[in-house]
Amino acid sequence: MILGNGVDIVEVCRFKRWTDFTDEKLTRVYNPTELAACKRPDGTYVFEKLATRFAAKEAFYKALSAALVTLDMTQRTFSFLSIASLICVSQDVWNVPQITFDTKLFEEKTKITLPKVRIHVSLAHEKSHAIAFVTISQ
């Protein structure tokens, strides 16, 4: 059963300036695993990768919010920034995008107990935009 969907599109060029941010500032949105995947061998960040992951995080936040409405679990609220670093966008061995979510830390932060769910993600980008679509199902 689908509990929630979320979609987000971002302008890739907006993230070019993010490559100048400190790691401390970036970890407010990204977790260390993601940041490592977004780095070139010289240690600089690939802003296109930051953009795509950001779109996926926003889409996940929207899907999770919709899922909580579907489950009638809206007694407590939370912000995107409060959970962004708990969302990890990565790729499996076949380069298929996936999202993992630290539900334990989420539950500690929000006092919301989530049921076991599946997260589905699709990502796309072209020169100027990146888009992400996320579905949360049970």
C-alpha atoms as a PDB file:
ATOM      1  CA  MET A   1       0.000   0.000   0.000  1.00  0.00           C
ATOM      2  CA  ILE A   2       1.341   3.441  -0.923  1.00  0.00           C
ATOM      3  CA  LEU A   3       1.482   5.714   2.110  1.00  0.00           C
ATOM      4  CA  GLY A   4       2.950   8.826   0.509  1.00  0.00           C
ATOM      5  CA  ASN A   5       4.623  10.306  -2.569  1.00  0.00           C
ATOM      6  CA  GLY A   6       6.954  13.254  -2.879  1.00  0.00           C
ATOM      7  CA  VAL A   7       8.635  14.997  -5.774  1.00  0.00           C
ATOM      8  CA  ASP A   8      11.157  17.815  -5.926  1.00  0.00           C
ATOM      9  CA  ILE A   9      13.047  19.610  -8.669  1.00  0.00           C
ATOM     10  CA  VAL A  10      16.033  21.898  -8.155  1.00  0.00           C
ATOM     11  CA  GLU A  11      18.137  24.176 -10.293  1.00  0.00           C
ATOM     12  CA  VAL A  12      21.571  22.583 -10.362  1.00  0.00           C
ATOM     13  CA  CYS A  13      23.472  25.887 -10.632  1.00  0.00           C
ATOM     14  CA  ARG A  14      22.044  26.950  -7.264  1.00  0.00           C
ATOM     15  CA  PHE A  15      24.351  24.386  -5.636  1.00  0.00           C
ATOM     16  CA  LYS A  16      27.558  25.651  -7.207  1.00  0.00           C
ATOM     17  CA  ARG A  17      28.098  28.022  -4.286  1.00  0.00           C
ATOM     18  CA  TRP A  18      27.502  25.127  -1.878  1.00  0.00           C
ATOM     19  CA  THR A  19      30.875  23.697  -2.919  1.00  0.00           C
ATOM     20  CA  ASP A  20      32.461  26.562  -0.943  1.00  0.00           C
ATOM     21  CA  PHE A  21      30.594  25.681   2.268  1.00  0.00           C
ATOM     22  CA  THR A  22      32.473  24.080   5.122  1.00  0.00           C
ATOM     23  CA  ASP A  23      31.922  20.404   5.850  1.00  0.00           C
ATOM     24  CA  GLU A  24      30.346  21.472   9.144  1.00  0.00           C
ATOM     25  CA  LYS A  25      27.723  23.522   7.316  1.00  0.00           C
ATOM     26  CA  LEU A  26      27.079  20.795   4.730  1.00  0.00           C
ATOM     27  CA  THR A  27      26.518  18.173   7.451  1.00  0.00           C
ATOM     28  CA  ARG A  28      23.385  20.075   8.480  1.00  0.00           C
ATOM     29  CA  VAL A  29      21.833  18.623   5.284  1.00  0.00           C
ATOM     30  CA  TYR A  30      24.082  15.756   4.169  1.00  0.00           C
ATOM     31  CA  ASN A  31      25.566  12.911   6.155  1.00  0.00           C
ATOM     32  CA  PRO A  32      29.273  11.992   5.907  1.00  0.00           C
ATOM     33  CA  THR A  33      28.621   9.026   3.586  1.00  0.00           C
ATOM     34  CA  GLU A  34      26.872  11.272   1.078  1.00  0.00           C
ATOM     35  CA  LEU A  35      29.530  13.953   1.275  1.00  0.00           C
ATOM     36  CA  ALA A  36      32.245  11.389   0.556  1.00  0.00           C
ATOM     37  CA  ALA A  37      30.304  10.239  -2.531  1.00  0.00           C
ATOM     38  CA  CYS A  38      30.011  13.847  -3.730  1.00  0.00           C
ATOM     39  CA  LYS A  39      33.752  14.570  -3.575  1.00  0.00           C
ATOM     40  CA  ARG A  40      36.238  14.494  -6.405  1.00  0.00           C
ATOM     41  CA  PRO A  41      39.676  12.970  -5.799  1.00  0.00           C
ATOM     42  CA  ASP A  42      41.033  16.501  -5.189  1.00  0.00           C
ATOM     43  CA  GLY A  43      38.577  16.958  -2.303  1.00  0.00           C
ATOM     44  CA  THR A  44      36.244  19.428  -4.009  1.00  0.00           C
ATOM     45  CA  TYR A  45      32.542  18.783  -4.228  1.00  0.00           C
ATOM     46  CA  VAL A  46      30.585  17.979  -7.398  1.00  0.00           C
ATOM     47  CA  PHE A  47      27.693  20.413  -7.136  1.00  0.00           C
ATOM     48  CA  GLU A  48      25.509  18.367  -9.497  1.00  0.00           C
ATOM     49  CA  LYS A  49      25.648  15.474  -7.019  1.00  0.00           C
ATOM     50  CA  LEU A  50      24.823  17.781  -4.116  1.00  0.00           C
ATOM     51  CA  ALA A  51      21.823  19.080  -6.083  1.00  0.00           C
ATOM     52  CA  THR A  52      20.454  15.648  -6.951  1.00  0.00           C
ATOM     53  CA  ARG A  53      20.778  14.396  -3.384  1.00  0.00           C
ATOM     54  CA  PHE A  54      19.102  17.544  -2.064  1.00  0.00           C
ATOM     55  CA  ALA A  55      16.145  17.012  -4.414  1.00  0.00           C
ATOM     56  CA  ALA A  56      15.870  13.412  -3.168  1.00  0.00           C
ATOM     57  CA  LYS A  57      15.896  14.539   0.459  1.00  0.00           C
ATOM     58  CA  GLU A  58      13.165  17.117  -0.193  1.00  0.00           C
ATOM     59  CA  ALA A  59      11.082  14.527  -2.057  1.00  0.00           C
ATOM     60  CA  PHE A  60      11.531  12.077   0.819  1.00  0.00           C
ATOM     61  CA  TYR A  61      10.487  14.729   3.353  1.00  0.00           C
ATOM     62  CA  LYS A  62       7.306  15.363   1.341  1.00  0.00           C
ATOM     63  CA  ALA A  63       6.585  11.628   0.990  1.00  0.00           C
ATOM     64  CA  LEU A  64       7.148  11.060   4.710  1.00  0.00           C
ATOM     65  CA  SER A  65       4.862  13.966   5.591  1.00  0.00           C
ATOM     66  CA  ALA A  66       2.155  12.531   3.317  1.00  0.00           C
ATOM     67  CA  ALA A  67       2.649   9.068   4.836  1.00  0.00           C
ATOM     68  CA  LEU A  68       2.170  10.433   8.344  1.00  0.00           C
ATOM     69  CA  VAL A  69      -1.087  12.068   7.247  1.00  0.00           C
ATOM     70  CA  THR A  70      -2.227   8.774   5.697  1.00  0.00           C
ATOM     71  CA  LEU A  71      -1.381   6.959   8.940  1.00  0.00           C
ATOM     72  CA  ASP A  72      -3.075   9.676  11.042  1.00  0.00           C
ATOM     73  CA  MET A  73       0.208  10.342  12.850  1.00  0.00           C
ATOM     74  CA  THR A  74       0.300  14.147  12.647  1.00  0.00           C
ATOM     75  CA  GLN A  75       0.245  14.954  16.355  1.00  0.00           C
ATOM     76  CA  ARG A  76       3.922  15.981  16.266  1.00  0.00           C
ATOM     77  CA  THR A  77       5.682  18.014  13.619  1.00  0.00           C
ATOM     78  CA  PHE A  78       9.260  18.278  12.426  1.00  0.00           C
ATOM     79  CA  SER A  79      11.169  20.399   9.951  1.00  0.00           C
ATOM     80  CA  PHE A  80      13.150  19.388   6.884  1.00  0.00           C
ATOM     81  CA  LEU A  81      16.426  20.539   8.451  1.00  0.00           C
ATOM     82  CA  SER A  82      15.763  18.547  11.619  1.00  0.00           C
ATOM     83  CA  ILE A  83      15.809  15.266   9.654  1.00  0.00           C
ATOM     84  CA  ALA A  84      17.817  16.017   6.480  1.00  0.00           C
ATOM     85  CA  SER A  85      21.044  14.443   7.729  1.00  0.00           C
ATOM     86  CA  LEU A  86      19.118  11.281   8.730  1.00  0.00           C
ATOM     87  CA  ILE A  87      18.276  10.706   5.059  1.00  0.00           C
ATOM     88  CA  CYS A  88      21.086   9.049   3.078  1.00  0.00           C
ATOM     89  CA  VAL A  89      20.936   8.997  -0.708  1.00  0.00           C
ATOM     90  CA  SER A  90      23.302   6.446  -2.218  1.00  0.00           C
ATOM     91  CA  GLN A  91      23.593   3.864  -4.978  1.00  0.00           C
ATOM     92  CA  ASP A  92      23.621   0.095  -4.779  1.00  0.00           C
ATOM     93  CA  VAL A  93      26.106  -2.148  -6.595  1.00  0.00           C
ATOM     94  CA  TRP A  94      24.108  -1.711  -9.840  1.00  0.00           C
ATOM     95  CA  ASN A  95      24.173   2.109  -9.466  1.00  0.00           C
ATOM     96  CA  VAL A  96      20.463   2.129  -8.670  1.00  0.00           C
ATOM     97  CA  PRO A  97      19.646   5.022  -6.334  1.00  0.00           C
ATOM     98  CA  GLN A  98      18.383   4.199  -2.884  1.00  0.00           C
ATOM     99  CA  ILE A  99      17.420   6.058   0.245  1.00  0.00           C
ATOM    100  CA  THR A 100      18.104   4.866   3.749  1.00  0.00           C
ATOM    101  CA  PHE A 101      16.582   6.649   6.707  1.00  0.00           C
ATOM    102  CA  ASP A 102      17.766   6.471  10.297  1.00  0.00           C
ATOM    103  CA  THR A 103      14.373   5.720  11.820  1.00  0.00           C
ATOM    104  CA  LYS A 104      15.842   5.168  15.288  1.00  0.00           C
ATOM    105  CA  LEU A 105      17.275   8.706  15.454  1.00  0.00           C
ATOM    106  CA  PHE A 106      14.102  10.081  13.863  1.00  0.00           C
ATOM    107  CA  GLU A 107      11.990   8.430  16.546  1.00  0.00           C
ATOM    108  CA  GLU A 108      14.297   9.751  19.283  1.00  0.00           C
ATOM    109  CA  LYS A 109      14.155  13.305  17.878  1.00  0.00           C
ATOM    110  CA  THR A 110      10.441  13.459  17.105  1.00  0.00           C
ATOM    111  CA  LYS A 111       8.855  10.902  19.458  1.00  0.00           C
ATOM    112  CA  ILE A 112       7.061   9.523  16.383  1.00  0.00           C
ATOM    113  CA  THR A 113       7.197   5.735  16.046  1.00  0.00           C
ATOM    114  CA  LEU A 114       7.134   4.739  12.399  1.00  0.00           C
ATOM    115  CA  PRO A 115       5.843   1.427  11.099  1.00  0.00           C
ATOM    116  CA  LYS A 116       8.145  -0.640   8.908  1.00  0.00           C
ATOM    117  CA  VAL A 117       8.087   0.970   5.462  1.00  0.00           C
ATOM    118  CA  ARG A 118       9.759   0.620   2.072  1.00  0.00           C
ATOM    119  CA  ILE A 119      11.293   3.623   0.341  1.00  0.00           C
ATOM    120  CA  HIS A 120      11.403   3.836  -3.442  1.00  0.00           C
ATOM    121  CA  VAL A 121      13.330   6.585  -5.222  1.00  0.00           C
ATOM    122  CA  SER A 122      13.890   7.658  -8.800  1.00  0.00           C
ATOM    123  CA  LEU A 123      16.397  10.377  -9.719  1.00  0.00           C
ATOM    124  CA  ALA A 124      17.064  12.227 -12.947  1.00  0.00           C
ATOM    125  CA  HIS A 125      19.123  15.209 -13.957  1.00  0.00           C
ATOM    126  CA  GLU A 126      20.161  17.121 -16.988  1.00  0.00           C
ATOM    127  CA  LYS A 127      22.286  20.191 -17.453  1.00  0.00           C
ATOM    128  CA  SER A 128      20.170  22.681 -15.514  1.00  0.00           C
ATOM    129  CA  HIS A 129      17.805  20.663 -13.292  1.00  0.00           C
ATOM    130  CA  ALA A 130      17.706  17.619 -11.034  1.00  0.00           C
ATOM    131  CA  ILE A 131      14.480  15.878 -10.051  1.00  0.00           C
ATOM    132  CA  ALA A 132      13.613  13.202  -7.520  1.00  0.00           C
ATOM    133  CA  PHE A 133      10.465  11.173  -6.952  1.00  0.00           C
ATOM    134  CA  VAL A 134       9.988   9.193  -3.740  1.00  0.00           C
ATOM    135  CA  THR A 135       7.263   6.743  -2.739  1.00  0.00           C
ATOM    136  CA  ILE A 136       6.888   5.333   0.744  1.00  0.00           C
ATOM    137  CA  SER A 137       4.932   2.096   0.970  1.00  0.00           C
ATOM    138  CA  GLN A 138       4.063  -0.500   3.541  1.00  0.00           C
END
